[in-house]
Amino acid sequence: MTVELVAHLAQVQGFTAIALGLIIGFGALGACIGIGIMGSKFLEAAARQPELVPLLQGRMFLLAGLIDAAFLIGVALAMFFAFANPLLGALHTAGG
């Protein structure tokens, strides 16, 4: 392996690590903000019409699961790039 190839590998790994942090960090931030806003709106609706609480509660938990699932898909994608990075394989192939 040449020094130039090693430098490129290190650069790809460094940028991948930064991207992983951004994917997971912004995904967690978005999920937390989304669930917080949804929870506050649920409490407002429950205070206005207490008779609708069972209906609203079921829908709130469904949406909380969907919001959390979107975050976990982002985490799975980040872990894919962390452990099976296709960019490193392409760089190895190009380097010979």
Protein backbone atom coordinates (compact mmCIF):
# COMPACT_ATOMS: atom_id res chain seq x y z
CA MET A 1 0.00 0.00 0.00
CA THR A 2 1.36 3.36 -0.93
CA VAL A 3 1.49 6.33 1.37
CA GLU A 4 -0.98 8.16 -0.85
CA LEU A 5 -3.53 5.33 -0.60
CA VAL A 6 -3.15 5.23 3.19
CA ALA A 7 -3.74 8.98 3.33
CA HIS A 8 -6.89 8.63 1.22
CA LEU A 9 -8.14 5.78 3.41
CA ALA A 10 -7.61 7.86 6.53
CA GLN A 11 -9.42 10.78 4.94
CA VAL A 12 -12.41 8.62 3.96
CA GLN A 13 -12.56 7.14 7.46
CA GLY A 14 -12.36 10.59 9.03
CA PHE A 15 -15.14 12.00 6.88
CA THR A 16 -17.21 8.89 7.54
CA ALA A 17 -16.83 9.38 11.29
CA ILE A 18 -17.96 13.00 10.99
CA ALA A 19 -20.95 11.95 8.87
CA LEU A 20 -21.92 9.27 11.39
CA GLY A 21 -21.92 11.79 14.20
CA LEU A 22 -24.06 14.18 12.18
CA ILE A 23 -26.54 11.48 11.14
CA ILE A 24 -27.03 10.18 14.66
CA GLY A 25 -26.91 13.59 16.34
CA PHE A 26 -29.37 15.37 14.05
CA GLY A 27 -31.61 12.29 13.96
CA ALA A 28 -31.79 12.19 17.75
CA LEU A 29 -32.37 15.94 17.93
CA GLY A 30 -35.18 15.78 15.40
CA ALA A 31 -36.84 12.80 17.10
CA CYS A 32 -36.69 14.47 20.51
CA ILE A 33 -38.11 17.74 19.22
CA GLY A 34 -40.85 15.90 17.30
CA ILE A 35 -41.93 13.79 20.26
CA GLY A 36 -41.81 16.84 22.54
CA ILE A 37 -44.06 18.89 20.26
CA MET A 38 -46.41 15.94 19.78
CA GLY A 39 -46.62 15.36 23.55
CA SER A 40 -47.39 19.00 24.26
CA LYS A 41 -50.14 19.05 21.62
CA PHE A 42 -51.58 15.84 23.08
CA LEU A 43 -51.74 17.42 26.54
CA GLU A 44 -53.43 20.53 25.11
CA ALA A 45 -56.00 18.42 23.29
CA ALA A 46 -56.60 16.25 26.36
CA ALA A 47 -57.19 19.34 28.49
CA ARG A 48 -59.70 20.74 25.99
CA GLN A 49 -61.64 17.51 25.39
CA PRO A 50 -61.02 14.87 28.06
CA GLU A 51 -63.49 12.47 26.47
CA LEU A 52 -61.18 12.01 23.47
CA VAL A 53 -58.13 10.99 25.51
CA PRO A 54 -58.29 7.23 24.67
CA LEU A 55 -58.52 7.93 20.93
CA LEU A 56 -55.79 10.57 20.99
CA GLN A 57 -53.54 8.47 23.21
CA GLY A 58 -53.54 5.56 20.78
CA ARG A 59 -52.70 7.84 17.88
CA MET A 60 -49.99 9.59 19.89
CA PHE A 61 -48.24 6.29 20.68
CA LEU A 62 -48.49 5.24 17.02
CA LEU A 63 -46.84 8.48 15.91
CA ALA A 64 -44.20 8.20 18.64
CA GLY A 65 -43.29 4.77 17.28
CA LEU A 66 -43.05 6.09 13.73
CA ILE A 67 -40.89 9.03 14.78
CA ASP A 68 -38.60 6.71 16.72
CA ALA A 69 -38.49 4.25 13.82
CA ALA A 70 -37.26 6.99 11.49
CA PHE A 71 -34.45 7.77 13.92
CA LEU A 72 -33.50 4.10 14.22
CA ILE A 73 -33.36 3.76 10.42
CA GLY A 74 -30.83 6.60 10.46
CA VAL A 75 -28.83 4.81 13.15
CA ALA A 76 -28.87 1.59 11.11
CA LEU A 77 -27.64 3.46 8.05
CA ALA A 78 -24.88 5.08 10.10
CA MET A 79 -23.80 1.69 11.48
CA PHE A 80 -23.74 0.30 7.95
CA PHE A 81 -21.26 2.98 6.93
CA ALA A 82 -19.30 2.49 10.14
CA PHE A 83 -18.77 -1.26 9.79
CA ALA A 84 -19.28 -2.10 6.09
CA ASN A 85 -18.22 1.08 4.37
CA PRO A 86 -18.54 0.61 0.60
CA LEU A 87 -16.37 3.68 0.02
CA LEU A 88 -13.36 1.95 1.57
CA GLY A 89 -13.86 -1.10 -0.62
CA ALA A 90 -14.00 1.04 -3.74
CA LEU A 91 -10.86 2.87 -2.67
CA HIS A 92 -9.01 -0.42 -2.06
CA THR A 93 -10.05 -1.66 -5.50
CA ALA A 94 -8.96 1.57 -7.20
CA GLY A 95 -5.63 1.52 -5.38
CA GLY A 96 -4.77 -1.94 -6.55
